[in-house]
Amino acid sequence: MNPSASTLEITSFRTKPGVSEDQLRSAIVASNLYLNRCPGFLGRHIGREAGTGLWREVLEWRDLDCAEAAAAHFLDAPEASAFADCIDFAAGENKLIHVDLVADYEAEPHALSHA
């Protein structure tokens, strides 16, 4: 359990037609350079919804102010331009929300050995 509160930034997006997974992965790595410079950045997870092709991204921030400040400049950052070029901004499923993390649980070490 993480005793300190943090903010989760949760996004959903579609890639433009013709964007390969390798192209997106490369763009994600490049955009991480921007995120790693942002105060309060704690982590990032990205996955694709099976069957629909909708991507989901979860970023963890120290607090809402850090999350909002980074989001406000993300698309302007040179490191994020390739990532932005992959996203279909006209897609209706694109969404960004911020939520306060209330509970955080990590698997016990013995549970990991049974996976």
Protein backbone atom coordinates (compact mmCIF):
# COMPACT_ATOMS: atom_id res chain seq x y z
CA MET A 1 0.00 0.00 0.00
CA ASN A 2 1.36 3.39 -0.98
CA PRO A 3 0.69 5.79 1.92
CA SER A 4 1.23 8.91 -0.17
CA ALA A 5 -1.51 10.12 -2.48
CA SER A 6 -0.79 10.68 -6.13
CA THR A 7 -2.69 11.46 -9.32
CA LEU A 8 -3.35 9.08 -12.18
CA GLU A 9 -3.72 10.46 -15.68
CA ILE A 10 -5.72 8.03 -17.79
CA THR A 11 -5.97 8.44 -21.54
CA SER A 12 -7.64 6.53 -24.34
CA PHE A 13 -6.61 7.03 -27.94
CA ARG A 14 -6.59 5.57 -31.41
CA THR A 15 -3.65 5.67 -33.74
CA LYS A 16 -3.91 6.99 -37.27
CA PRO A 17 -4.49 4.41 -39.99
CA GLY A 18 -1.21 2.88 -41.09
CA VAL A 19 0.68 3.53 -37.84
CA SER A 20 2.48 0.32 -36.88
CA GLU A 21 2.96 -0.87 -33.32
CA ASP A 22 6.73 -0.56 -33.79
CA GLN A 23 6.31 3.05 -34.91
CA LEU A 24 4.17 3.80 -31.86
CA ARG A 25 6.61 2.07 -29.50
CA SER A 26 9.48 4.15 -30.87
CA ALA A 27 7.42 7.32 -30.44
CA ILE A 28 6.56 6.34 -26.86
CA VAL A 29 10.25 5.92 -26.01
CA ALA A 30 11.02 9.35 -27.47
CA SER A 31 8.15 11.00 -25.58
CA ASN A 32 9.40 9.46 -22.33
CA LEU A 33 12.37 11.84 -22.59
CA TYR A 34 9.94 14.74 -22.10
CA LEU A 35 8.06 13.04 -19.27
CA ASN A 36 11.25 12.22 -17.40
CA ARG A 37 12.08 15.95 -17.28
CA CYS A 38 8.67 16.84 -15.85
CA PRO A 39 8.49 17.47 -12.10
CA GLY A 40 6.38 14.87 -10.32
CA PHE A 41 6.43 12.20 -13.05
CA LEU A 42 6.33 8.75 -11.41
CA GLY A 43 5.54 6.24 -14.15
CA ARG A 44 3.76 5.30 -17.37
CA HIS A 45 1.93 2.20 -18.60
CA ILE A 46 0.48 1.79 -22.10
CA GLY A 47 -1.55 -1.08 -23.50
CA ARG A 48 -3.97 -1.88 -26.27
CA GLU A 49 -7.49 -3.14 -25.70
CA ALA A 50 -7.85 -6.59 -27.25
CA GLY A 51 -10.20 -6.68 -30.21
CA THR A 52 -10.87 -2.95 -30.50
CA GLY A 53 -7.42 -1.49 -31.13
CA LEU A 54 -8.11 1.27 -28.59
CA TRP A 55 -4.99 2.24 -26.66
CA ARG A 56 -5.05 2.99 -22.92
CA GLU A 57 -2.37 4.90 -21.09
CA VAL A 58 -1.93 5.41 -17.35
CA LEU A 59 0.60 7.91 -16.05
CA GLU A 60 1.25 8.42 -12.36
CA TRP A 61 2.09 11.88 -11.05
CA ARG A 62 2.97 13.22 -7.62
CA ASP A 63 -0.11 15.46 -7.74
CA LEU A 64 -2.68 17.03 -10.04
CA ASP A 65 -0.68 20.23 -10.54
CA CYS A 66 2.27 18.25 -11.93
CA ALA A 67 -0.01 16.21 -14.19
CA GLU A 68 -1.79 19.26 -15.59
CA ALA A 69 1.43 21.21 -16.13
CA ALA A 70 3.00 18.34 -18.08
CA ALA A 71 -0.15 17.71 -20.13
CA ALA A 72 -0.40 21.39 -21.04
CA HIS A 73 3.00 21.27 -22.76
CA PHE A 74 3.20 17.64 -23.91
CA LEU A 75 2.07 18.20 -27.50
CA ASP A 76 4.48 21.14 -27.88
CA ALA A 77 7.52 19.15 -26.70
CA PRO A 78 9.84 18.14 -29.57
CA GLU A 79 10.32 14.73 -27.94
CA ALA A 80 6.58 14.09 -28.10
CA SER A 81 6.05 15.13 -31.74
CA ALA A 82 6.44 11.60 -33.14
CA PHE A 83 3.95 10.30 -30.54
CA ALA A 84 1.48 13.07 -31.39
CA ASP A 85 1.88 12.25 -35.10
CA CYS A 86 0.72 8.70 -34.36
CA ILE A 87 -2.54 9.72 -32.68
CA ASP A 88 -5.81 10.11 -34.56
CA PHE A 89 -7.09 13.22 -32.78
CA ALA A 90 -10.38 13.07 -34.72
CA ALA A 91 -11.28 9.70 -33.16
CA GLY A 92 -14.27 9.94 -30.87
CA GLU A 93 -12.78 7.60 -28.26
CA ASN A 94 -9.85 9.86 -27.37
CA LYS A 95 -10.12 10.94 -23.77
CA LEU A 96 -7.98 12.25 -20.89
CA ILE A 97 -9.01 12.24 -17.23
CA HIS A 98 -7.22 12.76 -13.92
CA VAL A 99 -8.12 10.81 -10.80
CA ASP A 100 -6.76 10.86 -7.25
CA LEU A 101 -5.13 7.56 -6.33
CA VAL A 102 -6.88 6.30 -3.21
CA ALA A 103 -5.29 2.87 -2.81
CA ASP A 104 -2.23 1.25 -4.31
CA TYR A 105 -1.48 -2.44 -3.91
CA GLU A 106 1.48 -4.43 -5.17
CA ALA A 107 1.57 -8.22 -5.25
CA GLU A 108 3.35 -9.93 -2.39
CA PRO A 109 6.69 -11.50 -3.44
CA HIS A 110 5.33 -15.05 -2.91
CA ALA A 111 2.42 -14.32 -5.26
CA LEU A 112 4.83 -13.33 -8.03
CA SER A 113 6.63 -16.68 -7.83
CA HIS A 114 3.34 -18.48 -8.61
CA ALA A 115 2.57 -16.43 -11.72
